[in-house]
Amino acid sequence: MIALDGKTLRRSFDRAAQKSPLHLVSAWAVGCRLLLGQVATGEKSNEITAVPKLLEMLSLKGAIVTADALNCQRAIAAKVVEKGGDYVLALKGNQGTLFDDIRLYLEDPAHASALSISEPVVDGDHGRIETRQAFLCTKIDWLRDHAWPGLAGVGKVTRSREINGVTSQETAYYLLSTPLPAARFGEVVRAHWGIENGLHWVLDVTMNEDQTRNRKDHGPQNIALLRRWALNACKIEGSSSRLPSFRINNI
């Protein structure tokens, strides 16, 4: 799996030069927890044009590429398929009628027999109990008019969370280019967030990235690259399965 997501370096803005904070789009190898590549953009909204450039740098044959709803775009799906990979893309209202059609179909009890359904998965941690279940449909002739590149299935994941006796529920929808078993589909969706826990959280909490004030010229991007090199080096160092306990405040 290769997870795609962006992160803004919050204090890298330069008011004097009218320069917005640096935003980096990263490709994260979920299984080995390594950063594979990154592309810099001026703003988060530019991720849509940056992701195809990042994908062009990678070998995707046999990989499953995951991304959030911002990057659920035809051009990105087409690039993944062109390079021999598959995708699982989060789907929201930015895709208009496609989102509405899929949501209505998957929520209709009359179509329940067309769905592959996983067993519920229950996790408990930090005072929270979460129950997740995945639903997948590979009979998608009714979506032919949308002409989505490589589309082979659509699905949803329901989540129920109980925190301090308060229960909340949400449903997320997805496009797939490969007919995964429902249980595997649920695992892929869950694993996507490894980029937040294994990369972005470590950069902020361990390496203090959001508090650094490098602003001039290429400084923010160069120092960000060094942080990520250091993080990769720690990940592949074989003597320990855990990162050393260090904190970098001055880079």
Protein backbone atom coordinates (compact mmCIF):
# COMPACT_ATOMS: atom_id res chain seq x y z
CA MET A 1 0.00 0.00 0.00
CA ILE A 2 1.06 3.55 -0.78
CA ALA A 3 -0.82 6.25 1.12
CA LEU A 4 -0.91 9.81 -0.25
CA ASP A 5 -1.52 12.86 1.92
CA GLY A 6 -0.36 16.42 2.40
CA LYS A 7 1.01 18.35 5.38
CA THR A 8 1.47 22.09 5.84
CA LEU A 9 4.51 23.44 7.70
CA ARG A 10 2.52 25.97 9.68
CA ARG A 11 5.26 28.45 10.57
CA SER A 12 7.10 28.46 7.25
CA PHE A 13 5.09 31.43 5.95
CA ASP A 14 6.98 34.66 5.12
CA ARG A 15 4.79 37.74 5.40
CA ALA A 16 7.51 40.09 4.14
CA ALA A 17 7.83 38.13 0.91
CA GLN A 18 4.07 37.42 0.77
CA LYS A 19 4.90 33.73 0.79
CA SER A 20 2.36 31.17 2.03
CA PRO A 21 3.38 28.20 4.24
CA LEU A 22 5.06 25.28 2.52
CA HIS A 23 2.73 22.35 1.82
CA LEU A 24 4.28 18.94 1.12
CA VAL A 25 2.45 16.02 -0.49
CA SER A 26 3.96 12.70 0.58
CA ALA A 27 3.82 9.07 -0.55
CA TRP A 28 4.04 6.69 2.41
CA ALA A 29 4.80 2.97 2.13
CA VAL A 30 2.37 1.61 4.70
CA GLY A 31 3.88 -1.86 5.15
CA CYS A 32 7.49 -0.80 5.77
CA ARG A 33 6.59 2.64 7.19
CA LEU A 34 8.92 4.59 4.93
CA LEU A 35 8.54 7.83 3.00
CA LEU A 36 8.92 7.11 -0.72
CA GLY A 37 8.74 10.64 -2.13
CA GLN A 38 7.29 14.11 -1.75
CA VAL A 39 6.34 17.12 -3.85
CA ALA A 40 6.12 20.70 -2.59
CA THR A 41 3.14 22.94 -3.32
CA GLY A 42 2.21 26.47 -2.33
CA GLU A 43 -1.17 25.59 -0.83
CA LYS A 44 -3.25 22.55 0.13
CA SER A 45 -5.63 23.22 -2.77
CA ASN A 46 -2.71 22.56 -5.15
CA GLU A 47 -2.46 18.93 -4.05
CA ILE A 48 -4.65 17.94 -7.00
CA THR A 49 -1.96 18.99 -9.48
CA ALA A 50 0.95 17.84 -7.31
CA VAL A 51 -0.21 14.24 -6.80
CA PRO A 52 0.14 13.17 -10.48
CA LYS A 53 3.74 14.51 -10.41
CA LEU A 54 4.42 12.49 -7.29
CA LEU A 55 2.88 9.34 -8.80
CA GLU A 56 5.08 9.79 -11.88
CA MET A 57 8.13 9.38 -9.63
CA LEU A 58 6.97 6.04 -8.19
CA SER A 59 6.79 2.45 -9.34
CA LEU A 60 3.15 1.47 -8.75
CA LYS A 61 2.95 -1.98 -10.32
CA GLY A 62 1.18 -4.26 -7.86
CA ALA A 63 0.57 -1.45 -5.35
CA ILE A 64 -2.68 -0.15 -3.91
CA VAL A 65 -2.70 3.66 -3.75
CA THR A 66 -4.96 5.32 -1.19
CA ALA A 67 -5.91 8.98 -0.90
CA ASP A 68 -8.45 11.24 0.78
CA ALA A 69 -11.45 12.82 -0.92
CA LEU A 70 -9.54 15.92 -2.06
CA ASN A 71 -7.47 13.70 -4.35
CA CYS A 72 -10.38 11.60 -5.58
CA GLN A 73 -9.96 12.93 -9.13
CA ARG A 74 -10.23 11.28 -12.54
CA ALA A 75 -6.73 12.38 -13.52
CA ILE A 76 -5.22 10.83 -10.40
CA ALA A 77 -7.15 7.57 -10.84
CA ALA A 78 -6.08 7.41 -14.48
CA LYS A 79 -2.41 7.94 -13.57
CA VAL A 80 -2.49 5.12 -11.00
CA VAL A 81 -4.04 2.70 -13.49
CA GLU A 82 -1.66 3.82 -16.25
CA LYS A 83 1.32 2.94 -14.04
CA GLY A 84 0.00 -0.54 -13.21
CA GLY A 85 -1.38 0.14 -9.74
CA ASP A 86 -4.80 0.02 -8.12
CA TYR A 87 -6.53 2.65 -6.05
CA VAL A 88 -8.88 2.97 -3.10
CA LEU A 89 -10.04 6.61 -3.03
CA ALA A 90 -12.26 8.26 -0.46
CA LEU A 91 -15.37 9.78 -2.03
CA LYS A 92 -17.25 12.86 -0.83
CA GLY A 93 -19.49 15.58 -2.20
CA ASN A 94 -16.76 17.13 -4.35
CA GLN A 95 -17.70 14.51 -6.96
CA GLY A 96 -21.31 15.66 -7.05
CA THR A 97 -23.69 13.25 -8.72
CA LEU A 98 -21.23 10.34 -8.50
CA PHE A 99 -21.19 10.62 -4.70
CA ASP A 100 -24.97 10.95 -4.54
CA ASP A 101 -25.57 7.95 -6.80
CA ILE A 102 -23.20 5.70 -4.85
CA ARG A 103 -24.48 6.78 -1.46
CA LEU A 104 -28.12 6.20 -2.42
CA TYR A 105 -27.36 2.79 -3.95
CA LEU A 106 -25.32 1.50 -1.00
CA GLU A 107 -27.83 2.74 1.56
CA ASP A 108 -30.84 1.21 -0.20
CA PRO A 109 -31.94 -2.01 1.61
CA ALA A 110 -33.17 -3.37 -1.74
CA HIS A 111 -29.52 -3.66 -2.89
CA ALA A 112 -28.24 -5.46 0.21
CA SER A 113 -27.98 -8.78 -1.65
CA ALA A 114 -25.49 -7.21 -4.10
CA LEU A 115 -23.06 -6.29 -1.33
CA SER A 116 -20.14 -8.22 0.12
CA ILE A 117 -20.05 -7.52 3.86
CA SER A 118 -17.20 -8.02 6.32
CA GLU A 119 -17.52 -9.13 9.90
CA PRO A 120 -17.56 -6.22 12.39
CA VAL A 121 -14.14 -5.29 13.78
CA VAL A 122 -14.01 -3.89 17.33
CA ASP A 123 -11.06 -1.90 18.70
CA GLY A 124 -10.66 -0.38 22.13
CA ASP A 125 -7.94 2.07 23.14
CA HIS A 126 -7.49 5.26 25.20
CA GLY A 127 -11.03 5.05 26.56
CA ARG A 128 -12.57 4.69 23.11
CA ILE A 129 -14.43 1.71 21.65
CA GLU A 130 -14.77 1.69 17.86
CA THR A 131 -16.71 -0.79 15.71
CA ARG A 132 -16.08 -0.86 11.96
CA GLN A 133 -17.72 -2.79 9.14
CA ALA A 134 -17.00 -2.74 5.40
CA PHE A 135 -19.50 -3.13 2.54
CA LEU A 136 -18.42 -3.65 -1.07
CA CYS A 137 -20.28 -3.78 -4.39
CA THR A 138 -18.62 -4.93 -7.62
CA LYS A 139 -21.78 -4.88 -9.76
CA ILE A 140 -21.38 -1.37 -11.10
CA ASP A 141 -23.01 -1.37 -14.54
CA TRP A 142 -25.34 1.31 -13.22
CA LEU A 143 -22.33 3.66 -12.94
CA ARG A 144 -21.26 3.33 -16.56
CA ASP A 145 -22.33 6.86 -17.45
CA HIS A 146 -19.82 8.34 -15.00
CA ALA A 147 -16.88 6.91 -16.99
CA TRP A 148 -14.51 6.74 -14.03
CA PRO A 149 -11.03 5.38 -15.03
CA GLY A 150 -10.48 1.75 -14.03
CA LEU A 151 -13.46 1.58 -11.69
CA ALA A 152 -14.14 -1.99 -10.50
CA GLY A 153 -16.12 -1.49 -7.31
CA VAL A 154 -17.60 0.91 -4.80
CA GLY A 155 -17.86 0.53 -1.07
CA LYS A 156 -18.52 2.06 2.29
CA VAL A 157 -17.14 1.69 5.80
CA THR A 158 -19.36 2.37 8.79
CA ARG A 159 -17.80 3.44 12.08
CA SER A 160 -19.41 3.59 15.50
CA ARG A 161 -17.39 5.19 18.31
CA GLU A 162 -18.17 5.23 22.03
CA ILE A 163 -16.20 7.72 24.14
CA ASN A 164 -17.11 8.33 27.78
CA GLY A 165 -20.56 6.84 27.20
CA VAL A 166 -21.28 9.03 24.17
CA THR A 167 -21.77 7.20 20.85
CA SER A 168 -21.20 8.73 17.40
CA GLN A 169 -21.56 7.18 13.97
CA GLU A 170 -20.21 7.96 10.52
CA THR A 171 -20.14 6.39 7.07
CA ALA A 172 -17.36 6.90 4.51
CA TYR A 173 -17.62 5.98 0.81
CA TYR A 174 -14.90 4.79 -1.57
CA LEU A 175 -14.02 4.02 -5.19
CA LEU A 176 -11.91 0.96 -5.98
CA SER A 177 -10.11 -0.19 -9.10
CA THR A 178 -9.82 -3.78 -7.86
CA PRO A 179 -12.53 -6.08 -6.42
CA LEU A 180 -11.04 -6.67 -2.96
CA PRO A 181 -12.75 -8.94 -0.44
CA ALA A 182 -14.79 -6.81 1.95
CA ALA A 183 -12.54 -7.58 4.91
CA ARG A 184 -9.42 -6.61 2.97
CA PHE A 185 -11.13 -3.44 1.77
CA GLY A 186 -11.76 -2.49 5.39
CA GLU A 187 -8.12 -3.16 6.26
CA VAL A 188 -6.89 -0.95 3.40
CA VAL A 189 -9.14 1.93 4.46
CA ARG A 190 -7.94 1.63 8.05
CA ALA A 191 -4.27 1.36 7.06
CA HIS A 192 -4.38 4.59 5.03
CA TRP A 193 -4.23 6.60 8.24
CA GLY A 194 -0.80 5.17 8.99
CA ILE A 195 0.56 8.18 7.15
CA GLU A 196 -0.90 10.42 9.84
CA ASN A 197 0.34 8.32 12.77
CA GLY A 198 3.65 7.13 11.34
CA LEU A 199 4.75 10.27 9.47
CA HIS A 200 2.87 13.49 10.25
CA TRP A 201 2.47 12.87 13.98
CA VAL A 202 6.14 11.93 14.39
CA LEU A 203 7.27 15.01 12.44
CA ASP A 204 5.20 17.27 14.68
CA VAL A 205 5.64 15.65 18.10
CA THR A 206 9.14 14.16 17.90
CA MET A 207 10.75 16.57 15.42
CA ASN A 208 8.70 19.63 16.39
CA GLU A 209 8.19 20.54 12.73
CA ASP A 210 5.19 22.83 13.12
CA GLN A 211 7.09 25.09 15.52
CA THR A 212 10.19 25.63 13.37
CA ARG A 213 10.52 29.02 11.70
CA ASN A 214 12.68 28.41 8.62
CA ARG A 215 11.19 30.76 6.03
CA LYS A 216 13.77 32.10 3.61
CA ASP A 217 14.28 30.89 0.04
CA HIS A 218 14.47 27.07 -0.17
CA GLY A 219 15.20 26.70 3.56
CA PRO A 220 11.83 25.24 4.62
CA GLN A 221 11.85 22.60 1.88
CA ASN A 222 15.52 21.67 2.41
CA ILE A 223 15.16 21.26 6.18
CA ALA A 224 11.89 19.34 5.74
CA LEU A 225 13.72 16.93 3.42
CA LEU A 226 16.46 16.39 6.03
CA ARG A 227 13.86 15.61 8.69
CA ARG A 228 12.28 12.99 6.45
CA TRP A 229 15.65 11.47 5.58
CA ALA A 230 16.40 11.24 9.30
CA LEU A 231 13.03 9.62 9.96
CA ASN A 232 13.58 7.04 7.21
CA ALA A 233 17.04 6.29 8.61
CA CYS A 234 15.54 5.67 12.06
CA LYS A 235 12.86 3.40 10.59
CA ILE A 236 15.31 1.15 8.76
CA GLU A 237 17.91 1.01 11.56
CA GLY A 238 17.77 -2.65 12.55
CA SER A 239 18.75 -2.72 16.21
CA SER A 240 15.36 -1.57 17.52
CA SER A 241 11.76 -1.73 16.32
CA ARG A 242 11.02 1.64 17.91
CA LEU A 243 12.25 5.13 17.18
CA PRO A 244 14.86 6.42 19.61
CA SER A 245 13.50 8.88 22.14
CA PHE A 246 14.76 12.20 20.81
CA ARG A 247 13.35 15.62 20.17
CA ILE A 248 14.68 18.05 17.57
CA ASN A 249 13.85 21.67 18.37
CA ASN A 250 16.35 23.59 16.30
CA ILE A 251 16.00 22.34 12.72
